[in-house]
Amino acid sequence: MTPATGHNTAIAPDAPATSFAKDQLKAIIERIERLEEERKTISDDIRDVYAEAKGNGYDVKALRTIVRLRKQDANERAEHETIVETYQQALGMI
């Protein structure tokens, strides 16, 4: 009860809405944690594949570059390659 009004303004700690919100929050947090763990597992798997490639004589830095380039849009990639080539020419590298 508040002294000024004499009314009880406190909400019961386990009111249905509060309980639902707590359950929903807990479910969200658990989903995030599960996805974080899956991401870690996938990252570990990717690292293992790169290690395997390195063991077979492949250049890991080049593989990472190829993977990054394949993610790009073809036009974006062509534009980037043109800019890099222009810079290389300006610097006398090619």
PDB file of N, CA and C in Angstrom:
ATOM      1  N   MET A   1       0.835  -1.181   0.000  1.00  0.00           N
ATOM      2  CA  MET A   1       0.000   0.000   0.000  1.00  0.00           C
ATOM      3  C   MET A   1       0.878   1.243   0.000  1.00  0.00           C
ATOM      4  N   THR A   2       0.404   2.196  -0.775  1.00  0.00           N
ATOM      5  CA  THR A   2       1.133   3.447  -0.762  1.00  0.00           C
ATOM      6  C   THR A   2       0.560   4.325   0.323  1.00  0.00           C
ATOM      7  N   PRO A   3       1.423   5.039   1.040  1.00  0.00           N
ATOM      8  CA  PRO A   3       0.934   5.853   2.139  1.00  0.00           C
ATOM      9  C   PRO A   3      -0.016   6.948   1.689  1.00  0.00           C
ATOM     10  N   ALA A   4       0.188   7.550   0.536  1.00  0.00           N
ATOM     11  CA  ALA A   4      -0.633   8.678   0.106  1.00  0.00           C
ATOM     12  C   ALA A   4      -2.034   8.248  -0.283  1.00  0.00           C
ATOM     13  N   THR A   5      -2.206   7.104  -0.940  1.00  0.00           N
ATOM     14  CA  THR A   5      -3.520   6.719  -1.446  1.00  0.00           C
ATOM     15  C   THR A   5      -4.160   5.597  -0.660  1.00  0.00           C
ATOM     16  N   GLY A   6      -3.354   4.801   0.012  1.00  0.00           N
ATOM     17  CA  GLY A   6      -3.892   3.672   0.731  1.00  0.00           C
ATOM     18  C   GLY A   6      -4.201   2.502  -0.177  1.00  0.00           C
ATOM     19  N   HIS A   7      -3.823   2.579  -1.460  1.00  0.00           N
ATOM     20  CA  HIS A   7      -4.080   1.499  -2.408  1.00  0.00           C
ATOM     21  C   HIS A   7      -2.851   0.609  -2.551  1.00  0.00           C
ATOM     22  N   ASN A   8      -3.123  -0.635  -2.816  1.00  0.00           N
ATOM     23  CA  ASN A   8      -2.040  -1.580  -3.059  1.00  0.00           C
ATOM     24  C   ASN A   8      -1.651  -1.474  -4.533  1.00  0.00           C
ATOM     25  N   THR A   9      -0.450  -0.915  -4.834  1.00  0.00           N
ATOM     26  CA  THR A   9      -0.024  -0.726  -6.220  1.00  0.00           C
ATOM     27  C   THR A   9       0.988  -1.765  -6.654  1.00  0.00           C
ATOM     28  N   ALA A  10       1.388  -2.610  -5.777  1.00  0.00           N
ATOM     29  CA  ALA A  10       2.370  -3.632  -6.139  1.00  0.00           C
ATOM     30  C   ALA A  10       1.693  -4.722  -6.955  1.00  0.00           C
ATOM     31  N   ILE A  11       2.402  -5.212  -7.965  1.00  0.00           N
ATOM     32  CA  ILE A  11       1.897  -6.321  -8.789  1.00  0.00           C
ATOM     33  C   ILE A  11       2.449  -7.603  -8.199  1.00  0.00           C
ATOM     34  N   ALA A  12       1.598  -8.591  -8.122  1.00  0.00           N
ATOM     35  CA  ALA A  12       2.038  -9.880  -7.597  1.00  0.00           C
ATOM     36  C   ALA A  12       3.183 -10.394  -8.459  1.00  0.00           C
ATOM     37  N   PRO A  13       4.247 -10.886  -7.836  1.00  0.00           N
ATOM     38  CA  PRO A  13       5.420 -11.311  -8.593  1.00  0.00           C
ATOM     39  C   PRO A  13       5.131 -12.416  -9.603  1.00  0.00           C
ATOM     40  N   ASP A  14       4.148 -13.234  -9.377  1.00  0.00           N
ATOM     41  CA  ASP A  14       3.844 -14.327 -10.296  1.00  0.00           C
ATOM     42  C   ASP A  14       2.506 -14.113 -11.000  1.00  0.00           C
ATOM     43  N   ALA A  15       2.152 -12.860 -11.252  1.00  0.00           N
ATOM     44  CA  ALA A  15       0.931 -12.583 -11.999  1.00  0.00           C
ATOM     45  C   ALA A  15       1.060 -13.239 -13.358  1.00  0.00           C
ATOM     46  N   PRO A  16      -0.037 -13.676 -13.973  1.00  0.00           N
ATOM     47  CA  PRO A  16       0.030 -14.397 -15.247  1.00  0.00           C
ATOM     48  C   PRO A  16       0.846 -13.669 -16.315  1.00  0.00           C
ATOM     49  N   ALA A  17       0.657 -12.374 -16.466  1.00  0.00           N
ATOM     50  CA  ALA A  17       1.406 -11.632 -17.496  1.00  0.00           C
ATOM     51  C   ALA A  17       2.889 -11.625 -17.172  1.00  0.00           C
ATOM     52  N   THR A  18       3.219 -11.446 -15.896  1.00  0.00           N
ATOM     53  CA  THR A  18       4.623 -11.428 -15.491  1.00  0.00           C
ATOM     54  C   THR A  18       5.240 -12.807 -15.686  1.00  0.00           C
ATOM     55  N   SER A  19       4.503 -13.839 -15.333  1.00  0.00           N
ATOM     56  CA  SER A  19       4.994 -15.197 -15.496  1.00  0.00           C
ATOM     57  C   SER A  19       5.214 -15.506 -16.975  1.00  0.00           C
ATOM     58  N   PHE A  20       4.279 -15.085 -17.826  1.00  0.00           N
ATOM     59  CA  PHE A  20       4.417 -15.297 -19.263  1.00  0.00           C
ATOM     60  C   PHE A  20       5.645 -14.567 -19.792  1.00  0.00           C
ATOM     61  N   ALA A  21       5.828 -13.324 -19.371  1.00  0.00           N
ATOM     62  CA  ALA A  21       6.971 -12.533 -19.828  1.00  0.00           C
ATOM     63  C   ALA A  21       8.285 -13.181 -19.390  1.00  0.00           C
ATOM     64  N   LYS A  22       8.320 -13.685 -18.158  1.00  0.00           N
ATOM     65  CA  LYS A  22       9.533 -14.352 -17.670  1.00  0.00           C
ATOM     66  C   LYS A  22       9.816 -15.611 -18.469  1.00  0.00           C
ATOM     67  N   ASP A  23       8.763 -16.394 -18.746  1.00  0.00           N
ATOM     68  CA  ASP A  23       8.932 -17.621 -19.535  1.00  0.00           C
ATOM     69  C   ASP A  23       9.378 -17.298 -20.960  1.00  0.00           C
ATOM     70  N   GLN A  24       8.788 -16.256 -21.525  1.00  0.00           N
ATOM     71  CA  GLN A  24       9.153 -15.852 -22.878  1.00  0.00           C
ATOM     72  C   GLN A  24      10.607 -15.385 -22.919  1.00  0.00           C
ATOM     73  N   LEU A  25      11.008 -14.580 -21.947  1.00  0.00           N
ATOM     74  CA  LEU A  25      12.385 -14.091 -21.879  1.00  0.00           C
ATOM     75  C   LEU A  25      13.360 -15.255 -21.727  1.00  0.00           C
ATOM     76  N   LYS A  26      13.022 -16.199 -20.867  1.00  0.00           N
ATOM     77  CA  LYS A  26      13.881 -17.356 -20.662  1.00  0.00           C
ATOM     78  C   LYS A  26      14.017 -18.159 -21.953  1.00  0.00           C
ATOM     79  N   ALA A  27      12.921 -18.338 -22.683  1.00  0.00           N
ATOM     80  CA  ALA A  27      12.951 -19.084 -23.943  1.00  0.00           C
ATOM     81  C   ALA A  27      13.822 -18.370 -24.976  1.00  0.00           C
ATOM     82  N   ILE A  28      13.721 -17.052 -25.037  1.00  0.00           N
ATOM     83  CA  ILE A  28      14.538 -16.278 -25.969  1.00  0.00           C
ATOM     84  C   ILE A  28      16.008 -16.431 -25.632  1.00  0.00           C
ATOM     85  N   ILE A  29      16.347 -16.273 -24.369  1.00  0.00           N
ATOM     86  CA  ILE A  29      17.741 -16.399 -23.934  1.00  0.00           C
ATOM     87  C   ILE A  29      18.272 -17.794 -24.251  1.00  0.00           C
ATOM     88  N   GLU A  30      17.485 -18.824 -23.982  1.00  0.00           N
ATOM     89  CA  GLU A  30      17.920 -20.196 -24.258  1.00  0.00           C
ATOM     90  C   GLU A  30      18.116 -20.434 -25.744  1.00  0.00           C
ATOM     91  N   ARG A  31      17.249 -19.845 -26.590  1.00  0.00           N
ATOM     92  CA  ARG A  31      17.430 -19.966 -28.040  1.00  0.00           C
ATOM     93  C   ARG A  31      18.721 -19.302 -28.482  1.00  0.00           C
ATOM     94  N   ILE A  32      18.990 -18.109 -27.960  1.00  0.00           N
ATOM     95  CA  ILE A  32      20.221 -17.395 -28.295  1.00  0.00           C
ATOM     96  C   ILE A  32      21.427 -18.225 -27.878  1.00  0.00           C
ATOM     97  N   GLU A  33      21.394 -18.758 -26.669  1.00  0.00           N
ATOM     98  CA  GLU A  33      22.508 -19.581 -26.186  1.00  0.00           C
ATOM     99  C   GLU A  33      22.723 -20.805 -27.068  1.00  0.00           C
ATOM    100  N   ARG A  34      21.640 -21.431 -27.473  1.00  0.00           N
ATOM    101  CA  ARG A  34      21.730 -22.618 -28.328  1.00  0.00           C
ATOM    102  C   ARG A  34      22.329 -22.243 -29.696  1.00  0.00           C
ATOM    103  N   LEU A  35      21.886 -21.123 -30.251  1.00  0.00           N
ATOM    104  CA  LEU A  35      22.412 -20.674 -31.537  1.00  0.00           C
ATOM    105  C   LEU A  35      23.873 -20.270 -31.428  1.00  0.00           C
ATOM    106  N   GLU A  36      24.251 -19.640 -30.320  1.00  0.00           N
ATOM    107  CA  GLU A  36      25.660 -19.282 -30.094  1.00  0.00           C
ATOM    108  C   GLU A  36      26.521 -20.542 -30.068  1.00  0.00           C
ATOM    109  N   GLU A  37      26.029 -21.585 -29.422  1.00  0.00           N
ATOM    110  CA  GLU A  37      26.769 -22.847 -29.357  1.00  0.00           C
ATOM    111  C   GLU A  37      26.878 -23.475 -30.752  1.00  0.00           C
ATOM    112  N   GLU A  38      25.777 -23.418 -31.518  1.00  0.00           N
ATOM    113  CA  GLU A  38      25.818 -23.946 -32.881  1.00  0.00           C
ATOM    114  C   GLU A  38      26.810 -23.160 -33.729  1.00  0.00           C
ATOM    115  N   ARG A  39      26.834 -21.832 -33.551  1.00  0.00           N
ATOM    116  CA  ARG A  39      27.771 -21.005 -34.308  1.00  0.00           C
ATOM    117  C   ARG A  39      29.202 -21.379 -33.957  1.00  0.00           C
ATOM    118  N   LYS A  40      29.471 -21.622 -32.675  1.00  0.00           N
ATOM    119  CA  LYS A  40      30.816 -22.017 -32.256  1.00  0.00           C
ATOM    120  C   LYS A  40      31.192 -23.349 -32.888  1.00  0.00           C
ATOM    121  N   THR A  41      30.256 -24.291 -32.894  1.00  0.00           N
ATOM    122  CA  THR A  41      30.502 -25.603 -33.496  1.00  0.00           C
ATOM    123  C   THR A  41      30.787 -25.461 -34.986  1.00  0.00           C
ATOM    124  N   ILE A  42      29.997 -24.641 -35.669  1.00  0.00           N
ATOM    125  CA  ILE A  42      30.204 -24.429 -37.101  1.00  0.00           C
ATOM    126  C   ILE A  42      31.539 -23.749 -37.351  1.00  0.00           C
ATOM    127  N   SER A  43      31.887 -22.761 -36.536  1.00  0.00           N
ATOM    128  CA  SER A  43      33.189 -22.089 -36.680  1.00  0.00           C
ATOM    129  C   SER A  43      34.330 -23.073 -36.500  1.00  0.00           C
ATOM    130  N   ASP A  44      34.191 -23.950 -35.523  1.00  0.00           N
ATOM    131  CA  ASP A  44      35.215 -24.983 -35.309  1.00  0.00           C
ATOM    132  C   ASP A  44      35.307 -25.909 -36.526  1.00  0.00           C
ATOM    133  N   ASP A  45      34.161 -26.272 -37.100  1.00  0.00           N
ATOM    134  CA  ASP A  45      34.145 -27.136 -38.284  1.00  0.00           C
ATOM    135  C   ASP A  45      34.831 -26.453 -39.468  1.00  0.00           C
ATOM    136  N   ILE A  46      34.545 -25.166 -39.657  1.00  0.00           N
ATOM    137  CA  ILE A  46      35.166 -24.416 -40.754  1.00  0.00           C
ATOM    138  C   ILE A  46      36.676 -24.352 -40.549  1.00  0.00           C
ATOM    139  N   ARG A  47      37.103 -24.101 -39.325  1.00  0.00           N
ATOM    140  CA  ARG A  47      38.536 -24.066 -39.013  1.00  0.00           C
ATOM    141  C   ARG A  47      39.178 -25.417 -39.337  1.00  0.00           C
ATOM    142  N   ASP A  48      38.475 -26.502 -39.025  1.00  0.00           N
ATOM    143  CA  ASP A  48      38.995 -27.845 -39.321  1.00  0.00           C
ATOM    144  C   ASP A  48      39.138 -28.075 -40.826  1.00  0.00           C
ATOM    145  N   VAL A  49      38.175 -27.572 -41.610  1.00  0.00           N
ATOM    146  CA  VAL A  49      38.246 -27.731 -43.060  1.00  0.00           C
ATOM    147  C   VAL A  49      39.434 -26.949 -43.616  1.00  0.00           C
ATOM    148  N   TYR A  50      39.647 -25.727 -43.114  1.00  0.00           N
ATOM    149  CA  TYR A  50      40.814 -24.959 -43.556  1.00  0.00           C
ATOM    150  C   TYR A  50      42.119 -25.668 -43.163  1.00  0.00           C
ATOM    151  N   ALA A  51      42.151 -26.241 -41.976  1.00  0.00           N
ATOM    152  CA  ALA A  51      43.347 -26.972 -41.546  1.00  0.00           C
ATOM    153  C   ALA A  51      43.581 -28.183 -42.450  1.00  0.00           C
ATOM    154  N   GLU A  52      42.516 -28.864 -42.814  1.00  0.00           N
ATOM    155  CA  GLU A  52      42.628 -30.004 -43.725  1.00  0.00           C
ATOM    156  C   GLU A  52      43.149 -29.551 -45.085  1.00  0.00           C
ATOM    157  N   ALA A  53      42.619 -28.434 -45.581  1.00  0.00           N
ATOM    158  CA  ALA A  53      43.066 -27.897 -46.868  1.00  0.00           C
ATOM    159  C   ALA A  53      44.549 -27.537 -46.809  1.00  0.00           C
ATOM    160  N   LYS A  54      44.951 -26.915 -45.707  1.00  0.00           N
ATOM    161  CA  LYS A  54      46.364 -26.553 -45.538  1.00  0.00           C
ATOM    162  C   LYS A  54      47.224 -27.817 -45.526  1.00  0.00           C
ATOM    163  N   GLY A  55      46.752 -28.847 -44.855  1.00  0.00           N
ATOM    164  CA  GLY A  55      47.472 -30.117 -44.802  1.00  0.00           C
ATOM    165  C   GLY A  55      47.614 -30.765 -46.174  1.00  0.00           C
ATOM    166  N   ASN A  56      46.687 -30.439 -47.074  1.00  0.00           N
ATOM    167  CA  ASN A  56      46.734 -30.965 -48.437  1.00  0.00           C
ATOM    168  C   ASN A  56      47.486 -30.030 -49.388  1.00  0.00           C
ATOM    169  N   GLY A  57      48.101 -28.977 -48.821  1.00  0.00           N
ATOM    170  CA  GLY A  57      48.939 -28.100 -49.627  1.00  0.00           C
ATOM    171  C   GLY A  57      48.259 -26.863 -50.180  1.00  0.00           C
ATOM    172  N   TYR A  58      47.017 -26.620 -49.821  1.00  0.00           N
ATOM    173  CA  TYR A  58      46.325 -25.429 -50.315  1.00  0.00           C
ATOM    174  C   TYR A  58      46.692 -24.206 -49.475  1.00  0.00           C
ATOM    175  N   ASP A  59      46.701 -23.044 -50.116  1.00  0.00           N
ATOM    176  CA  ASP A  59      46.977 -21.786 -49.444  1.00  0.00           C
ATOM    177  C   ASP A  59      45.677 -21.294 -48.793  1.00  0.00           C
ATOM    178  N   VAL A  60      45.653 -21.288 -47.482  1.00  0.00           N
ATOM    179  CA  VAL A  60      44.436 -20.961 -46.741  1.00  0.00           C
ATOM    180  C   VAL A  60      44.014 -19.508 -46.976  1.00  0.00           C
ATOM    181  N   LYS A  61      44.981 -18.610 -47.061  1.00  0.00           N
ATOM    182  CA  LYS A  61      44.647 -17.202 -47.294  1.00  0.00           C
ATOM    183  C   LYS A  61      43.940 -17.046 -48.646  1.00  0.00           C
ATOM    184  N   ALA A  62      44.419 -17.755 -49.654  1.00  0.00           N
ATOM    185  CA  ALA A  62      43.787 -17.709 -50.976  1.00  0.00           C
ATOM    186  C   ALA A  62      42.384 -18.316 -50.917  1.00  0.00           C
ATOM    187  N   LEU A  63      42.229 -19.406 -50.186  1.00  0.00           N
ATOM    188  CA  LEU A  63      40.903 -20.021 -50.051  1.00  0.00           C
ATOM    189  C   LEU A  63      39.921 -19.066 -49.391  1.00  0.00           C
ATOM    190  N   ARG A  64      40.360 -18.385 -48.340  1.00  0.00           N
ATOM    191  CA  ARG A  64      39.493 -17.421 -47.661  1.00  0.00           C
ATOM    192  C   ARG A  64      39.096 -16.286 -48.601  1.00  0.00           C
ATOM    193  N   THR A  65      40.033 -15.856 -49.434  1.00  0.00           N
ATOM    194  CA  THR A  65      39.742 -14.804 -50.412  1.00  0.00           C
ATOM    195  C   THR A  65      38.702 -15.278 -51.409  1.00  0.00           C
ATOM    196  N   ILE A  66      38.860 -16.496 -51.907  1.00  0.00           N
ATOM    197  CA  ILE A  66      37.904 -17.054 -52.867  1.00  0.00           C
ATOM    198  C   ILE A  66      36.513 -17.159 -52.234  1.00  0.00           C
ATOM    199  N   VAL A  67      36.435 -17.646 -51.015  1.00  0.00           N
ATOM    200  CA  VAL A  67      35.136 -17.763 -50.329  1.00  0.00           C
ATOM    201  C   VAL A  67      34.494 -16.385 -50.197  1.00  0.00           C
ATOM    202  N   ARG A  68      35.283 -15.378 -49.812  1.00  0.00           N
ATOM    203  CA  ARG A  68      34.765 -14.008 -49.659  1.00  0.00           C
ATOM    204  C   ARG A  68      34.290 -13.470 -51.006  1.00  0.00           C
ATOM    205  N   LEU A  69      35.065 -13.694 -52.064  1.00  0.00           N
ATOM    206  CA  LEU A  69      34.693 -13.201 -53.389  1.00  0.00           C
ATOM    207  C   LEU A  69      33.420 -13.863 -53.907  1.00  0.00           C
ATOM    208  N   ARG A  70      33.268 -15.139 -53.626  1.00  0.00           N
ATOM    209  CA  ARG A  70      32.068 -15.852 -54.098  1.00  0.00           C
ATOM    210  C   ARG A  70      30.794 -15.367 -53.418  1.00  0.00           C
ATOM    211  N   LYS A  71      30.937 -14.738 -52.257  1.00  0.00           N
ATOM    212  CA  LYS A  71      29.777 -14.183 -51.560  1.00  0.00           C
ATOM    213  C   LYS A  71      29.298 -12.888 -52.202  1.00  0.00           C
ATOM    214  N   GLN A  72      30.204 -12.213 -52.911  1.00  0.00           N
ATOM    215  CA  GLN A  72      29.874 -10.928 -53.511  1.00  0.00           C
ATOM    216  C   GLN A  72      29.044 -11.104 -54.778  1.00  0.00           C
ATOM    217  N   ASP A  73      28.277 -10.082 -55.072  1.00  0.00           N
ATOM    218  CA  ASP A  73      27.554 -10.001 -56.331  1.00  0.00           C
ATOM    219  C   ASP A  73      28.580  -9.896 -57.459  1.00  0.00           C
ATOM    220  N   ALA A  74      28.310 -10.514 -58.604  1.00  0.00           N
ATOM    221  CA  ALA A  74      29.265 -10.537 -59.720  1.00  0.00           C
ATOM    222  C   ALA A  74      29.639  -9.126 -60.170  1.00  0.00           C
ATOM    223  N   ASN A  75      28.674  -8.226 -60.228  1.00  0.00           N
ATOM    224  CA  ASN A  75      28.959  -6.846 -60.647  1.00  0.00           C
ATOM    225  C   ASN A  75      29.824  -6.135 -59.616  1.00  0.00           C
ATOM    226  N   GLU A  76      29.505  -6.342 -58.357  1.00  0.00           N
ATOM    227  CA  GLU A  76      30.285  -5.730 -57.272  1.00  0.00           C
ATOM    228  C   GLU A  76      31.728  -6.247 -57.314  1.00  0.00           C
ATOM    229  N   ARG A  77      31.869  -7.534 -57.520  1.00  0.00           N
ATOM    230  CA  ARG A  77      33.197  -8.137 -57.584  1.00  0.00           C
ATOM    231  C   ARG A  77      33.990  -7.581 -58.768  1.00  0.00           C
ATOM    232  N   ALA A  78      33.366  -7.472 -59.947  1.00  0.00           N
ATOM    233  CA  ALA A  78      34.037  -6.945 -61.145  1.00  0.00           C
ATOM    234  C   ALA A  78      34.471  -5.498 -60.926  1.00  0.00           C
ATOM    235  N   GLU A  79      33.600  -4.712 -60.309  1.00  0.00           N
ATOM    236  CA  GLU A  79      33.931  -3.316 -60.025  1.00  0.00           C
ATOM    237  C   GLU A  79      35.129  -3.227 -59.088  1.00  0.00           C
ATOM    238  N   HIS A  80      35.121  -4.046 -58.047  1.00  0.00           N
ATOM    239  CA  HIS A  80      36.230  -4.057 -57.085  1.00  0.00           C
ATOM    240  C   HIS A  80      37.535  -4.459 -57.776  1.00  0.00           C
ATOM    241  N   GLU A  81      37.477  -5.496 -58.597  1.00  0.00           N
ATOM    242  CA  GLU A  81      38.674  -5.961 -59.305  1.00  0.00           C
ATOM    243  C   GLU A  81      39.217  -4.883 -60.240  1.00  0.00           C
ATOM    244  N   THR A  82      38.329  -4.133 -60.896  1.00  0.00           N
ATOM    245  CA  THR A  82      38.748  -3.042 -61.778  1.00  0.00           C
ATOM    246  C   THR A  82      39.458  -1.949 -60.986  1.00  0.00           C
ATOM    247  N   ILE A  83      38.914  -1.607 -59.840  1.00  0.00           N
ATOM    248  CA  ILE A  83      39.531  -0.583 -58.993  1.00  0.00           C
ATOM    249  C   ILE A  83      40.908  -1.039 -58.518  1.00  0.00           C
ATOM    250  N   VAL A  84      41.001  -2.284 -58.069  1.00  0.00           N
ATOM    251  CA  VAL A  84      42.292  -2.805 -57.598  1.00  0.00           C
ATOM    252  C   VAL A  84      43.307  -2.792 -58.740  1.00  0.00           C
ATOM    253  N   GLU A  85      42.891  -3.212 -59.917  1.00  0.00           N
ATOM    254  CA  GLU A  85      43.797  -3.223 -61.070  1.00  0.00           C
ATOM    255  C   GLU A  85      44.253  -1.800 -61.420  1.00  0.00           C
ATOM    256  N   THR A  86      43.339  -0.841 -61.358  1.00  0.00           N
ATOM    257  CA  THR A  86      43.691   0.562 -61.624  1.00  0.00           C
ATOM    258  C   THR A  86      44.714   1.055 -60.630  1.00  0.00           C
ATOM    259  N   TYR A  87      44.526   0.734 -59.358  1.00  0.00           N
ATOM    260  CA  TYR A  87      45.484   1.137 -58.321  1.00  0.00           C
ATOM    261  C   TYR A  87      46.841   0.486 -58.541  1.00  0.00           C
ATOM    262  N   GLN A  88      46.815  -0.792 -58.909  1.00  0.00           N
ATOM    263  CA  GLN A  88      48.066  -1.509 -59.152  1.00  0.00           C
ATOM    264  C   GLN A  88      48.824  -0.886 -60.325  1.00  0.00           C
ATOM    265  N   GLN A  89      48.118  -0.531 -61.372  1.00  0.00           N
ATOM    266  CA  GLN A  89      48.759   0.120 -62.518  1.00  0.00           C
ATOM    267  C   GLN A  89      49.350   1.472 -62.107  1.00  0.00           C
ATOM    268  N   ALA A  90      48.596   2.235 -61.322  1.00  0.00           N
ATOM    269  CA  ALA A  90      49.058   3.547 -60.879  1.00  0.00           C
ATOM    270  C   ALA A  90      50.325   3.423 -60.026  1.00  0.00           C
ATOM    271  N   LEU A  91      50.465   2.319 -59.323  1.00  0.00           N
ATOM    272  CA  LEU A  91      51.632   2.105 -58.460  1.00  0.00           C
ATOM    273  C   LEU A  91      52.751   1.358 -59.183  1.00  0.00           C
ATOM    274  N   GLY A  92      52.548   1.057 -60.452  1.00  0.00           N
ATOM    275  CA  GLY A  92      53.563   0.350 -61.223  1.00  0.00           C
ATOM    276  C   GLY A  92      53.727  -1.098 -60.829  1.00  0.00           C
ATOM    277  N   MET A  93      52.691  -1.697 -60.291  1.00  0.00           N
ATOM    278  CA  MET A  93      52.770  -3.084 -59.848  1.00  0.00           C
ATOM    279  C   MET A  93      52.480  -4.044 -60.997  1.00  0.00           C
ATOM    280  N   ILE A  94      51.780  -3.561 -62.037  1.00  0.00           N
ATOM    281  CA  ILE A  94      51.485  -4.412 -63.208  1.00  0.00           C
ATOM    282  C   ILE A  94      51.723  -3.619 -64.481  1.00  0.00           C
TER     283      ILE A  94
END
